[in-house]
Amino acid sequence: MREFIATIRQLNLLIKTIAELQSFSLGMLISLSSITLFSHL
């Protein structure tokens, strides 16, 4: 049972890390697309 709880904690940490990376890459994508949009104006 203890190993099961440890595995769940590791999975939660992994999911949190992936979510942070996704939001970071999404923000980078939005800023890059807005930069290219403004440079074409």
N, C-alpha and C. Protein backbone atom coordinates (compact mmCIF):
# COMPACT_ATOMS: atom_id res chain seq x y z
N MET A 1 0.84 -1.21 0.00
CA MET A 1 0.00 0.00 0.00
C MET A 1 0.87 1.26 0.00
N ARG A 2 1.99 1.21 0.72
CA ARG A 2 2.87 2.38 0.80
C ARG A 2 3.49 2.67 -0.57
N GLU A 3 3.86 1.59 -1.28
CA GLU A 3 4.45 1.77 -2.62
C GLU A 3 3.42 2.37 -3.58
N PHE A 4 2.16 1.98 -3.40
CA PHE A 4 1.08 2.48 -4.24
C PHE A 4 0.91 3.99 -4.07
N ILE A 5 0.95 4.44 -2.82
CA ILE A 5 0.82 5.88 -2.52
C ILE A 5 2.01 6.65 -3.10
N ALA A 6 3.20 6.06 -2.99
CA ALA A 6 4.40 6.72 -3.53
C ALA A 6 4.31 6.85 -5.04
N THR A 7 3.77 5.81 -5.69
CA THR A 7 3.62 5.85 -7.15
C THR A 7 2.63 6.94 -7.56
N ILE A 8 1.54 7.06 -6.81
CA ILE A 8 0.53 8.10 -7.11
C ILE A 8 1.14 9.49 -6.94
N ARG A 9 1.97 9.66 -5.91
CA ARG A 9 2.60 10.97 -5.70
C ARG A 9 3.54 11.30 -6.84
N GLN A 10 4.29 10.30 -7.32
CA GLN A 10 5.21 10.53 -8.45
C GLN A 10 4.43 10.88 -9.71
N LEU A 11 3.30 10.20 -9.92
CA LEU A 11 2.47 10.48 -11.09
C LEU A 11 1.90 11.89 -11.03
N ASN A 12 1.45 12.31 -9.84
CA ASN A 12 0.91 13.66 -9.68
C ASN A 12 1.97 14.70 -9.97
N LEU A 13 3.20 14.44 -9.51
CA LEU A 13 4.30 15.36 -9.76
C LEU A 13 4.60 15.44 -11.26
N LEU A 14 4.58 14.30 -11.92
CA LEU A 14 4.83 14.24 -13.36
C LEU A 14 3.76 15.01 -14.13
N ILE A 15 2.51 14.80 -13.75
CA ILE A 15 1.39 15.49 -14.42
C ILE A 15 1.49 17.00 -14.22
N LYS A 16 1.87 17.41 -13.00
CA LYS A 16 2.01 18.84 -12.71
C LYS A 16 3.12 19.45 -13.55
N THR A 17 4.24 18.71 -13.68
CA THR A 17 5.37 19.19 -14.47
C THR A 17 4.99 19.32 -15.94
N ILE A 18 4.28 18.32 -16.46
CA ILE A 18 3.85 18.34 -17.86
C ILE A 18 2.89 19.51 -18.11
N ALA A 19 1.97 19.74 -17.16
CA ALA A 19 1.01 20.84 -17.30
C ALA A 19 1.73 22.19 -17.31
N GLU A 20 2.74 22.34 -16.44
CA GLU A 20 3.51 23.59 -16.41
C GLU A 20 4.27 23.79 -17.70
N LEU A 21 4.85 22.71 -18.24
CA LEU A 21 5.59 22.80 -19.49
C LEU A 21 4.66 23.15 -20.65
N GLN A 22 3.46 22.57 -20.64
CA GLN A 22 2.50 22.86 -21.71
C GLN A 22 2.05 24.31 -21.68
N SER A 23 1.76 24.83 -20.49
CA SER A 23 1.32 26.23 -20.38
C SER A 23 2.46 27.17 -20.76
N PHE A 24 3.71 26.77 -20.43
CA PHE A 24 4.87 27.58 -20.79
C PHE A 24 5.05 27.61 -22.30
N SER A 25 4.95 26.44 -22.96
CA SER A 25 5.13 26.39 -24.40
C SER A 25 3.98 27.08 -25.12
N LEU A 26 2.78 27.02 -24.54
CA LEU A 26 1.63 27.73 -25.11
C LEU A 26 1.84 29.23 -25.05
N GLY A 27 2.36 29.71 -23.91
CA GLY A 27 2.66 31.13 -23.76
C GLY A 27 3.73 31.58 -24.74
N MET A 28 4.76 30.74 -24.93
CA MET A 28 5.81 31.05 -25.89
C MET A 28 5.23 31.12 -27.30
N LEU A 29 4.35 30.19 -27.63
CA LEU A 29 3.73 30.14 -28.94
C LEU A 29 2.89 31.40 -29.20
N ILE A 30 2.13 31.82 -28.19
CA ILE A 30 1.28 33.01 -28.32
C ILE A 30 2.13 34.26 -28.51
N SER A 31 3.20 34.38 -27.71
CA SER A 31 4.06 35.57 -27.83
C SER A 31 4.79 35.58 -29.17
N LEU A 32 5.22 34.41 -29.64
CA LEU A 32 5.90 34.34 -30.94
C LEU A 32 4.95 34.71 -32.08
N SER A 33 3.70 34.20 -32.02
CA SER A 33 2.75 34.50 -33.08
C SER A 33 2.35 35.97 -33.05
N SER A 34 2.26 36.58 -31.87
CA SER A 34 1.93 38.00 -31.80
C SER A 34 3.09 38.85 -32.30
N ILE A 35 4.32 38.40 -32.07
CA ILE A 35 5.49 39.13 -32.57
C ILE A 35 5.50 39.10 -34.10
N THR A 36 5.26 37.93 -34.68
CA THR A 36 5.25 37.83 -36.14
C THR A 36 4.08 38.62 -36.72
N LEU A 37 2.96 38.67 -36.00
CA LEU A 37 1.79 39.43 -36.46
C LEU A 37 2.10 40.92 -36.48
N PHE A 38 2.74 41.42 -35.41
CA PHE A 38 3.05 42.85 -35.34
C PHE A 38 4.15 43.24 -36.32
N SER A 39 5.07 42.31 -36.63
CA SER A 39 6.14 42.65 -37.56
C SER A 39 5.62 42.74 -38.99
N HIS A 40 4.47 42.11 -39.26
CA HIS A 40 3.89 42.17 -40.61
C HIS A 40 3.04 43.42 -40.80
N LEU A 41 2.68 44.07 -39.72
CA LEU A 41 1.84 45.28 -39.82
C LEU A 41 2.62 46.47 -40.35
